[in-house]
PDB file of all heavy atoms in Angstrom:
ATOM      1  N   ASN A   1      20.483  -5.957  -0.742  1.00  0.00           N
ATOM      2  CA  ASN A   1      19.845  -5.537   0.508  1.00  0.00           C
ATOM      3  C   ASN A   1      19.827  -4.016   0.655  1.00  0.00           C
ATOM      4  O   ASN A   1      19.991  -3.484   1.758  1.00  0.00           O
ATOM      5  CB  ASN A   1      20.575  -6.167   1.704  1.00  0.00           C
ATOM      6  CG  ASN A   1      20.446  -7.677   1.748  1.00  0.00           C
ATOM      7  OD1 ASN A   1      19.500  -8.218   2.280  1.00  0.00           O
ATOM      8  ND2 ASN A   1      21.432  -8.365   1.180  1.00  0.00           N
ATOM      9  N   LEU A   2      19.616  -3.319  -0.463  1.00  0.00           N
ATOM     10  CA  LEU A   2      19.561  -1.857  -0.413  1.00  0.00           C
ATOM     11  C   LEU A   2      18.438  -1.368   0.504  1.00  0.00           C
ATOM     12  O   LEU A   2      18.598  -0.387   1.233  1.00  0.00           O
ATOM     13  CB  LEU A   2      19.356  -1.296  -1.822  1.00  0.00           C
ATOM     14  CG  LEU A   2      20.619  -1.124  -2.678  1.00  0.00           C
ATOM     15  CD1 LEU A   2      20.254  -0.577  -4.048  1.00  0.00           C
ATOM     16  CD2 LEU A   2      21.620  -0.215  -1.998  1.00  0.00           C
ATOM     17  N   ARG A   3      17.318  -2.066   0.473  1.00  0.00           N
ATOM     18  CA  ARG A   3      16.196  -1.637   1.315  1.00  0.00           C
ATOM     19  C   ARG A   3      16.562  -1.743   2.797  1.00  0.00           C
ATOM     20  O   ARG A   3      16.254  -0.834   3.586  1.00  0.00           O
ATOM     21  CB  ARG A   3      14.971  -2.495   1.006  1.00  0.00           C
ATOM     22  CG  ARG A   3      13.754  -2.128   1.845  1.00  0.00           C
ATOM     23  CD  ARG A   3      12.552  -2.961   1.448  1.00  0.00           C
ATOM     24  NE  ARG A   3      11.390  -2.637   2.264  1.00  0.00           N
ATOM     25  CZ  ARG A   3      10.217  -3.210   2.145  1.00  0.00           C
ATOM     26  NH1 ARG A   3      10.037  -4.141   1.210  1.00  0.00           N
ATOM     27  NH2 ARG A   3       9.215  -2.877   2.931  1.00  0.00           N
ATOM     28  N   ASP A   4      17.229  -2.834   3.186  1.00  0.00           N
ATOM     29  CA  ASP A   4      17.630  -2.987   4.584  1.00  0.00           C
ATOM     30  C   ASP A   4      18.626  -1.903   4.989  1.00  0.00           C
ATOM     31  O   ASP A   4      18.567  -1.387   6.109  1.00  0.00           O
ATOM     32  CB  ASP A   4      18.255  -4.377   4.792  1.00  0.00           C
ATOM     33  CG  ASP A   4      17.229  -5.484   4.652  1.00  0.00           C
ATOM     34  OD1 ASP A   4      16.029  -5.188   4.789  1.00  0.00           O
ATOM     35  OD2 ASP A   4      17.623  -6.636   4.400  1.00  0.00           O
ATOM     36  N   ILE A   5      19.533  -1.548   4.075  1.00  0.00           N
ATOM     37  CA  ILE A   5      20.518  -0.506   4.389  1.00  0.00           C
ATOM     38  C   ILE A   5      19.817   0.839   4.572  1.00  0.00           C
ATOM     39  O   ILE A   5      20.125   1.590   5.517  1.00  0.00           O
ATOM     40  CB  ILE A   5      21.579  -0.431   3.269  1.00  0.00           C
ATOM     41  CG1 ILE A   5      22.363  -1.747   3.190  1.00  0.00           C
ATOM     42  CG2 ILE A   5      22.530   0.730   3.518  1.00  0.00           C
ATOM     43  CD1 ILE A   5      23.327  -1.813   2.043  1.00  0.00           C
ATOM     44  N   ASN A   6      18.884   1.157   3.688  1.00  0.00           N
ATOM     45  CA  ASN A   6      18.148   2.424   3.820  1.00  0.00           C
ATOM     46  C   ASN A   6      17.358   2.481   5.131  1.00  0.00           C
ATOM     47  O   ASN A   6      17.331   3.511   5.807  1.00  0.00           O
ATOM     48  CB  ASN A   6      17.208   2.610   2.631  1.00  0.00           C
ATOM     49  CG  ASN A   6      17.944   2.999   1.354  1.00  0.00           C
ATOM     50  OD1 ASN A   6      18.920   3.736   1.392  1.00  0.00           O
ATOM     51  ND2 ASN A   6      17.490   2.500   0.225  1.00  0.00           N
ATOM     52  N   GLU A   7      16.724   1.369   5.491  1.00  0.00           N
ATOM     53  CA  GLU A   7      15.965   1.350   6.741  1.00  0.00           C
ATOM     54  C   GLU A   7      16.897   1.485   7.940  1.00  0.00           C
ATOM     55  O   GLU A   7      16.562   2.148   8.929  1.00  0.00           O
ATOM     56  CB  GLU A   7      15.159   0.055   6.829  1.00  0.00           C
ATOM     57  CG  GLU A   7      14.014  -0.018   5.819  1.00  0.00           C
ATOM     58  CD  GLU A   7      13.274  -1.342   5.871  1.00  0.00           C
ATOM     59  OE1 GLU A   7      13.757  -2.252   6.594  1.00  0.00           O
ATOM     60  OE2 GLU A   7      12.230  -1.478   5.206  1.00  0.00           O
ATOM     61  N   HIS A   8      18.074   0.859   7.861  1.00  0.00           N
ATOM     62  CA  HIS A   8      19.048   0.993   8.949  1.00  0.00           C
ATOM     63  C   HIS A   8      19.498   2.443   9.090  1.00  0.00           C
ATOM     64  O   HIS A   8      19.611   2.961  10.221  1.00  0.00           O
ATOM     65  CB  HIS A   8      20.252   0.098   8.672  1.00  0.00           C
ATOM     66  CG  HIS A   8      21.384   0.297   9.626  1.00  0.00           C
ATOM     67  ND1 HIS A   8      21.427  -0.293  10.872  1.00  0.00           N
ATOM     68  CD2 HIS A   8      22.528   1.039   9.533  1.00  0.00           C
ATOM     69  CE1 HIS A   8      22.534   0.072  11.502  1.00  0.00           C
ATOM     70  NE2 HIS A   8      23.214   0.878  10.714  1.00  0.00           N
ATOM     71  N   MET A   9      19.738   3.117   7.974  1.00  0.00           N
ATOM     72  CA  MET A   9      20.161   4.514   8.030  1.00  0.00           C
ATOM     73  C   MET A   9      19.069   5.388   8.624  1.00  0.00           C
ATOM     74  O   MET A   9      19.342   6.315   9.400  1.00  0.00           O
ATOM     75  CB  MET A   9      20.539   4.998   6.631  1.00  0.00           C
ATOM     76  CG  MET A   9      21.764   4.309   6.031  1.00  0.00           C
ATOM     77  SD  MET A   9      23.222   4.485   7.083  1.00  0.00           S
ATOM     78  CE  MET A   9      23.384   6.261   7.152  1.00  0.00           C
ATOM     79  N   ASP A  10      17.822   5.113   8.283  1.00  0.00           N
ATOM     80  CA  ASP A  10      16.717   5.894   8.848  1.00  0.00           C
ATOM     81  C   ASP A  10      16.662   5.739  10.366  1.00  0.00           C
ATOM     82  O   ASP A  10      16.441   6.713  11.098  1.00  0.00           O
ATOM     83  CB  ASP A  10      15.389   5.448   8.227  1.00  0.00           C
ATOM     84  CG  ASP A  10      15.293   5.828   6.750  1.00  0.00           C
ATOM     85  OD1 ASP A  10      16.048   6.720   6.325  1.00  0.00           O
ATOM     86  OD2 ASP A  10      14.466   5.225   6.036  1.00  0.00           O
ATOM     87  N   ARG A  11      16.875   4.502  10.841  1.00  0.00           N
ATOM     88  CA  ARG A  11      16.845   4.279  12.298  1.00  0.00           C
ATOM     89  C   ARG A  11      18.014   4.962  12.990  1.00  0.00           C
ATOM     90  O   ARG A  11      17.857   5.597  14.042  1.00  0.00           O
ATOM     91  CB  ARG A  11      16.866   2.777  12.596  1.00  0.00           C
ATOM     92  CG  ARG A  11      15.591   2.036  12.207  1.00  0.00           C
ATOM     93  CD  ARG A  11      15.593   0.638  12.800  1.00  0.00           C
ATOM     94  NE  ARG A  11      16.741  -0.141  12.348  1.00  0.00           N
ATOM     95  CZ  ARG A  11      16.723  -0.920  11.271  1.00  0.00           C
ATOM     96  NH1 ARG A  11      15.620  -1.009  10.536  1.00  0.00           N
ATOM     97  NH2 ARG A  11      17.788  -1.602  10.906  1.00  0.00           N
ATOM     98  N   GLU A  12      19.206   4.846  12.410  1.00  0.00           N
ATOM     99  CA  GLU A  12      20.389   5.400  13.045  1.00  0.00           C
ATOM    100  C   GLU A  12      20.378   6.926  13.070  1.00  0.00           C
ATOM    101  O   GLU A  12      20.987   7.541  13.950  1.00  0.00           O
ATOM    102  CB  GLU A  12      21.651   4.912  12.317  1.00  0.00           C
ATOM    103  CG  GLU A  12      21.962   3.441  12.523  1.00  0.00           C
ATOM    104  CD  GLU A  12      22.318   3.134  13.965  1.00  0.00           C
ATOM    105  OE1 GLU A  12      23.028   3.946  14.590  1.00  0.00           O
ATOM    106  OE2 GLU A  12      21.858   2.093  14.475  1.00  0.00           O
ATOM    107  N   CYS A  13      19.699   7.538  12.104  1.00  0.00           N
ATOM    108  CA  CYS A  13      19.709   9.002  11.998  1.00  0.00           C
ATOM    109  C   CYS A  13      18.514   9.654  12.683  1.00  0.00           C
ATOM    110  O   CYS A  13      18.306  10.857  12.533  1.00  0.00           O
ATOM    111  CB  CYS A  13      19.748   9.410  10.519  1.00  0.00           C
ATOM    112  SG  CYS A  13      21.288   8.958   9.684  1.00  0.00           S
ATOM    113  N   LEU A  14      17.747   8.876  13.440  1.00  0.00           N
ATOM    114  CA  LEU A  14      16.627   9.467  14.169  1.00  0.00           C
ATOM    115  C   LEU A  14      17.098  10.500  15.186  1.00  0.00           C
ATOM    116  O   LEU A  14      16.377  11.447  15.511  1.00  0.00           O
ATOM    117  CB  LEU A  14      15.824   8.362  14.880  1.00  0.00           C
ATOM    118  CG  LEU A  14      14.920   7.493  14.001  1.00  0.00           C
ATOM    119  CD1 LEU A  14      14.285   6.393  14.832  1.00  0.00           C
ATOM    120  CD2 LEU A  14      13.851   8.333  13.334  1.00  0.00           C
ATOM    121  N   SER A  15      18.312  10.320  15.705  1.00  0.00           N
ATOM    122  CA  SER A  15      18.802  11.228  16.744  1.00  0.00           C
ATOM    123  C   SER A  15      19.252  12.576  16.194  1.00  0.00           C
ATOM    124  O   SER A  15      19.577  13.477  16.972  1.00  0.00           O
ATOM    125  CB  SER A  15      19.974  10.577  17.499  1.00  0.00           C
ATOM    126  OG  SER A  15      21.056  10.323  16.620  1.00  0.00           O
ATOM    127  N   SER A  16      19.286  12.738  14.862  1.00  0.00           N
ATOM    128  CA  SER A  16      19.757  14.012  14.300  1.00  0.00           C
ATOM    129  C   SER A  16      18.840  15.172  14.696  1.00  0.00           C
ATOM    130  O   SER A  16      19.292  16.312  14.810  1.00  0.00           O
ATOM    131  CB  SER A  16      19.851  13.917  12.777  1.00  0.00           C
ATOM    132  OG  SER A  16      18.566  13.728  12.200  1.00  0.00           O
ATOM    133  N   ALA A  17      17.559  14.903  14.921  1.00  0.00           N
ATOM    134  CA  ALA A  17      16.643  15.969  15.325  1.00  0.00           C
ATOM    135  C   ALA A  17      17.021  16.520  16.690  1.00  0.00           C
ATOM    136  O   ALA A  17      17.014  17.737  16.914  1.00  0.00           O
ATOM    137  CB  ALA A  17      15.213  15.441  15.346  1.00  0.00           C
ATOM    138  N   ALA A  18      17.358  15.636  17.622  1.00  0.00           N
ATOM    139  CA  ALA A  18      17.744  16.086  18.955  1.00  0.00           C
ATOM    140  C   ALA A  18      19.173  16.614  18.980  1.00  0.00           C
ATOM    141  O   ALA A  18      19.508  17.466  19.808  1.00  0.00           O
ATOM    142  CB  ALA A  18      17.603  14.936  19.953  1.00  0.00           C
ATOM    143  N   ARG A  19      20.025  16.136  18.078  1.00  0.00           N
ATOM    144  CA  ARG A  19      21.420  16.573  18.047  1.00  0.00           C
ATOM    145  C   ARG A  19      21.575  17.954  17.410  1.00  0.00           C
ATOM    146  O   ARG A  19      22.184  18.862  17.989  1.00  0.00           O
ATOM    147  CB  ARG A  19      22.272  15.573  17.254  1.00  0.00           C
ATOM    148  CG  ARG A  19      22.535  14.245  17.932  1.00  0.00           C
ATOM    149  CD  ARG A  19      23.140  13.280  16.924  1.00  0.00           C
ATOM    150  NE  ARG A  19      23.531  12.018  17.507  1.00  0.00           N
ATOM    151  CZ  ARG A  19      24.767  11.706  17.872  1.00  0.00           C
ATOM    152  NH1 ARG A  19      25.725  12.591  17.730  1.00  0.00           N
ATOM    153  NH2 ARG A  19      25.044  10.524  18.390  1.00  0.00           N
ATOM    154  N   TYR A  20      21.037  18.089  16.183  1.00  0.00           N
ATOM    155  CA  TYR A  20      21.334  19.266  15.371  1.00  0.00           C
ATOM    156  C   TYR A  20      20.100  20.062  14.960  1.00  0.00           C
ATOM    157  O   TYR A  20      20.219  21.043  14.233  1.00  0.00           O
ATOM    158  CB  TYR A  20      22.093  18.843  14.112  1.00  0.00           C
ATOM    159  CG  TYR A  20      23.204  17.866  14.379  1.00  0.00           C
ATOM    160  CD1 TYR A  20      23.175  16.579  13.847  1.00  0.00           C
ATOM    161  CD2 TYR A  20      24.287  18.218  15.190  1.00  0.00           C
ATOM    162  CE1 TYR A  20      24.194  15.672  14.104  1.00  0.00           C
ATOM    163  CE2 TYR A  20      25.307  17.312  15.451  1.00  0.00           C
ATOM    164  CZ  TYR A  20      25.244  16.043  14.908  1.00  0.00           C
ATOM    165  OH  TYR A  20      26.252  15.153  15.165  1.00  0.00           O
ATOM    166  N   GLY A  21      18.911  19.635  15.378  1.00  0.00           N
ATOM    167  CA  GLY A  21      17.711  20.362  15.008  1.00  0.00           C
ATOM    168  C   GLY A  21      17.278  20.138  13.576  1.00  0.00           C
ATOM    169  O   GLY A  21      16.548  20.954  13.016  1.00  0.00           O
ATOM    170  N   MET A  22      17.712  19.036  12.959  1.00  0.00           N
ATOM    171  CA  MET A  22      17.323  18.716  11.586  1.00  0.00           C
ATOM    172  C   MET A  22      16.881  17.266  11.533  1.00  0.00           C
ATOM    173  O   MET A  22      17.493  16.385  12.134  1.00  0.00           O
ATOM    174  CB  MET A  22      18.486  18.949  10.608  1.00  0.00           C
ATOM    175  CG  MET A  22      18.908  20.405  10.514  1.00  0.00           C
ATOM    176  SD  MET A  22      20.146  20.675   9.226  1.00  0.00           S
ATOM    177  CE  MET A  22      19.204  20.322   7.763  1.00  0.00           C
ATOM    178  N   ILE A  23      15.796  17.016  10.796  1.00  0.00           N
ATOM    179  CA  ILE A  23      15.224  15.681  10.670  1.00  0.00           C
ATOM    180  C   ILE A  23      15.596  15.103   9.317  1.00  0.00           C
ATOM    181  O   ILE A  23      15.379  15.739   8.285  1.00  0.00           O
ATOM    182  CB  ILE A  23      13.693  15.722  10.806  1.00  0.00           C
ATOM    183  CG1 ILE A  23      13.289  16.270  12.180  1.00  0.00           C
ATOM    184  CG2 ILE A  23      13.089  14.341  10.599  1.00  0.00           C
ATOM    185  CD1 ILE A  23      11.798  16.465  12.329  1.00  0.00           C
ATOM    186  N   LEU A  24      16.160  13.894   9.323  1.00  0.00           N
ATOM    187  CA  LEU A  24      16.414  13.173   8.083  1.00  0.00           C
ATOM    188  C   LEU A  24      15.175  12.338   7.783  1.00  0.00           C
ATOM    189  O   LEU A  24      14.924  11.312   8.415  1.00  0.00           O
ATOM    190  CB  LEU A  24      17.653  12.282   8.225  1.00  0.00           C
ATOM    191  CG  LEU A  24      18.991  13.010   8.227  1.00  0.00           C
ATOM    192  CD1 LEU A  24      20.133  12.037   8.475  1.00  0.00           C
ATOM    193  CD2 LEU A  24      19.215  13.746   6.922  1.00  0.00           C
ATOM    194  N   ASP A  25      14.381  12.792   6.826  1.00  0.00           N
ATOM    195  CA  ASP A  25      13.136  12.093   6.507  1.00  0.00           C
ATOM    196  C   ASP A  25      13.386  10.722   5.904  1.00  0.00           C
ATOM    197  O   ASP A  25      12.695   9.758   6.215  1.00  0.00           O
ATOM    198  CB  ASP A  25      12.295  12.926   5.533  1.00  0.00           C
ATOM    199  CG  ASP A  25      11.504  14.001   6.255  1.00  0.00           C
ATOM    200  OD1 ASP A  25      11.336  13.858   7.483  1.00  0.00           O
ATOM    201  OD2 ASP A  25      11.078  14.971   5.620  1.00  0.00           O
ATOM    202  N   ALA A  26      14.358  10.624   5.015  1.00  0.00           N
ATOM    203  CA  ALA A  26      14.620   9.345   4.354  1.00  0.00           C
ATOM    204  C   ALA A  26      15.976   9.391   3.676  1.00  0.00           C
ATOM    205  O   ALA A  26      16.441  10.442   3.245  1.00  0.00           O
ATOM    206  CB  ALA A  26      13.533   9.032   3.329  1.00  0.00           C
ATOM    207  N   SER A  27      16.605   8.220   3.623  1.00  0.00           N
ATOM    208  CA  SER A  27      17.821   8.057   2.826  1.00  0.00           C
ATOM    209  C   SER A  27      17.495   7.113   1.680  1.00  0.00           C
ATOM    210  O   SER A  27      16.893   6.057   1.883  1.00  0.00           O
ATOM    211  CB  SER A  27      18.955   7.475   3.686  1.00  0.00           C
ATOM    212  OG  SER A  27      18.595   6.208   4.212  1.00  0.00           O
ATOM    213  N   LEU A  28      17.858   7.508   0.478  1.00  0.00           N
ATOM    214  CA  LEU A  28      17.521   6.741  -0.717  1.00  0.00           C
ATOM    215  C   LEU A  28      18.802   6.376  -1.446  1.00  0.00           C
ATOM    216  O   LEU A  28      19.223   7.067  -2.378  1.00  0.00           O
ATOM    217  CB  LEU A  28      16.582   7.547  -1.623  1.00  0.00           C
ATOM    218  CG  LEU A  28      15.286   8.051  -0.962  1.00  0.00           C
ATOM    219  CD1 LEU A  28      14.550   9.006  -1.879  1.00  0.00           C
ATOM    220  CD2 LEU A  28      14.400   6.891  -0.565  1.00  0.00           C
ATOM    221  N   ILE A  29      19.468   5.313  -0.992  1.00  0.00           N
ATOM    222  CA  ILE A  29      20.667   4.826  -1.667  1.00  0.00           C
ATOM    223  C   ILE A  29      20.213   4.050  -2.897  1.00  0.00           C
ATOM    224  O   ILE A  29      19.506   3.055  -2.796  1.00  0.00           O
ATOM    225  CB  ILE A  29      21.494   3.935  -0.735  1.00  0.00           C
ATOM    226  CG1 ILE A  29      21.854   4.701   0.541  1.00  0.00           C
ATOM    227  CG2 ILE A  29      22.760   3.445  -1.429  1.00  0.00           C
ATOM    228  CD1 ILE A  29      22.520   3.841   1.604  1.00  0.00           C
ATOM    229  N   THR A  30      20.606   4.520  -4.060  1.00  0.00           N
ATOM    230  CA  THR A  30      20.107   3.932  -5.307  1.00  0.00           C
ATOM    231  C   THR A  30      21.153   3.142  -6.075  1.00  0.00           C
ATOM    232  O   THR A  30      20.785   2.335  -6.929  1.00  0.00           O
ATOM    233  CB  THR A  30      19.571   5.043  -6.226  1.00  0.00           C
ATOM    234  OG1 THR A  30      20.600   6.021  -6.452  1.00  0.00           O
ATOM    235  CG2 THR A  30      18.375   5.737  -5.583  1.00  0.00           C
ATOM    236  N   GLY A  31      22.435   3.359  -5.819  1.00  0.00           N
ATOM    237  CA  GLY A  31      23.468   2.671  -6.588  1.00  0.00           C
ATOM    238  C   GLY A  31      24.685   2.339  -5.768  1.00  0.00           C
ATOM    239  O   GLY A  31      25.118   3.127  -4.926  1.00  0.00           O
ATOM    240  N   ILE A  32      25.234   1.140  -5.992  1.00  0.00           N
ATOM    241  CA  ILE A  32      26.486   0.702  -5.363  1.00  0.00           C
ATOM    242  C   ILE A  32      27.353   0.145  -6.485  1.00  0.00           C
ATOM    243  O   ILE A  32      27.060  -0.926  -7.036  1.00  0.00           O
ATOM    244  CB  ILE A  32      26.241  -0.356  -4.278  1.00  0.00           C
ATOM    245  CG1 ILE A  32      25.347   0.222  -3.175  1.00  0.00           C
ATOM    246  CG2 ILE A  32      27.551  -0.852  -3.706  1.00  0.00           C
ATOM    247  CD1 ILE A  32      25.043  -0.758  -2.066  1.00  0.00           C
ATOM    248  N   ASP A  33      28.396   0.866  -6.847  1.00  0.00           N
ATOM    249  CA  ASP A  33      29.217   0.509  -7.997  1.00  0.00           C
ATOM    250  C   ASP A  33      30.632   0.183  -7.556  1.00  0.00           C
ATOM    251  O   ASP A  33      31.295   1.005  -6.905  1.00  0.00           O
ATOM    252  CB  ASP A  33      29.250   1.654  -9.011  1.00  0.00           C
ATOM    253  CG  ASP A  33      27.852   2.014  -9.499  1.00  0.00           C
ATOM    254  OD1 ASP A  33      27.084   1.080  -9.781  1.00  0.00           O
ATOM    255  OD2 ASP A  33      27.538   3.218  -9.575  1.00  0.00           O
ATOM    256  N   PRO A  34      31.138  -1.010  -7.915  1.00  0.00           N
ATOM    257  CA  PRO A  34      32.518  -1.363  -7.568  1.00  0.00           C
ATOM    258  C   PRO A  34      33.498  -0.681  -8.515  1.00  0.00           C
ATOM    259  O   PRO A  34      33.096  -0.085  -9.526  1.00  0.00           O
ATOM    260  CB  PRO A  34      32.529  -2.881  -7.769  1.00  0.00           C
ATOM    261  CG  PRO A  34      31.524  -3.113  -8.841  1.00  0.00           C
ATOM    262  CD  PRO A  34      30.446  -2.077  -8.619  1.00  0.00           C
ATOM    263  N   PRO A  35      34.805  -0.756  -8.223  1.00  0.00           N
ATOM    264  CA  PRO A  35      35.797  -0.203  -9.149  1.00  0.00           C
ATOM    265  C   PRO A  35      35.711  -0.873 -10.515  1.00  0.00           C
ATOM    266  O   PRO A  35      35.255  -2.012 -10.635  1.00  0.00           O
ATOM    267  CB  PRO A  35      37.132  -0.517  -8.455  1.00  0.00           C
ATOM    268  CG  PRO A  35      36.786  -0.714  -7.021  1.00  0.00           C
ATOM    269  CD  PRO A  35      35.409  -1.297  -7.000  1.00  0.00           C
ATOM    270  N   GLU A  36      36.158  -0.161 -11.558  1.00  0.00           N
ATOM    271  CA  GLU A  36      36.055  -0.692 -12.916  1.00  0.00           C
ATOM    272  C   GLU A  36      36.820  -1.999 -13.077  1.00  0.00           C
ATOM    273  O   GLU A  36      36.378  -2.902 -13.789  1.00  0.00           O
ATOM    274  CB  GLU A  36      36.586   0.349 -13.913  1.00  0.00           C
ATOM    275  CG  GLU A  36      35.742   1.624 -13.980  1.00  0.00           C
ATOM    276  CD  GLU A  36      36.279   2.605 -14.996  1.00  0.00           C
ATOM    277  OE1 GLU A  36      37.305   2.278 -15.635  1.00  0.00           O
ATOM    278  OE2 GLU A  36      35.677   3.684 -15.156  1.00  0.00           O
ATOM    279  N   GLU A  37      37.983  -2.109 -12.408  1.00  0.00           N
ATOM    280  CA  GLU A  37      38.775  -3.332 -12.554  1.00  0.00           C
ATOM    281  C   GLU A  37      38.122  -4.531 -11.881  1.00  0.00           C
ATOM    282  O   GLU A  37      38.466  -5.676 -12.160  1.00  0.00           O
ATOM    283  CB  GLU A  37      40.183  -3.128 -11.979  1.00  0.00           C
ATOM    284  CG  GLU A  37      40.222  -2.775 -10.491  1.00  0.00           C
ATOM    285  CD  GLU A  37      40.129  -1.295 -10.247  1.00  0.00           C
ATOM    286  OE1 GLU A  37      39.748  -0.560 -11.186  1.00  0.00           O
ATOM    287  OE2 GLU A  37      40.436  -0.870  -9.122  1.00  0.00           O
ATOM    288  N   VAL A  38      37.169  -4.275 -10.992  1.00  0.00           N
ATOM    289  CA  VAL A  38      36.493  -5.366 -10.292  1.00  0.00           C
ATOM    290  C   VAL A  38      35.173  -5.726 -10.970  1.00  0.00           C
ATOM    291  O   VAL A  38      34.656  -6.828 -10.805  1.00  0.00           O
ATOM    292  CB  VAL A  38      36.255  -4.979  -8.815  1.00  0.00           C
ATOM    293  CG1 VAL A  38      35.537  -6.082  -8.058  1.00  0.00           C
ATOM    294  CG2 VAL A  38      37.568  -4.648  -8.133  1.00  0.00           C
TER     295      VAL A  38
END
């Protein structure tokens, strides 16, 4: 569900423009790697 996570991050970070004056255009999470022993 990487796509759902990226879309959730985009929605949650919409307020960064009003908070800090910077717009997060997109988050591109490409990899989720567990520990080597797992």
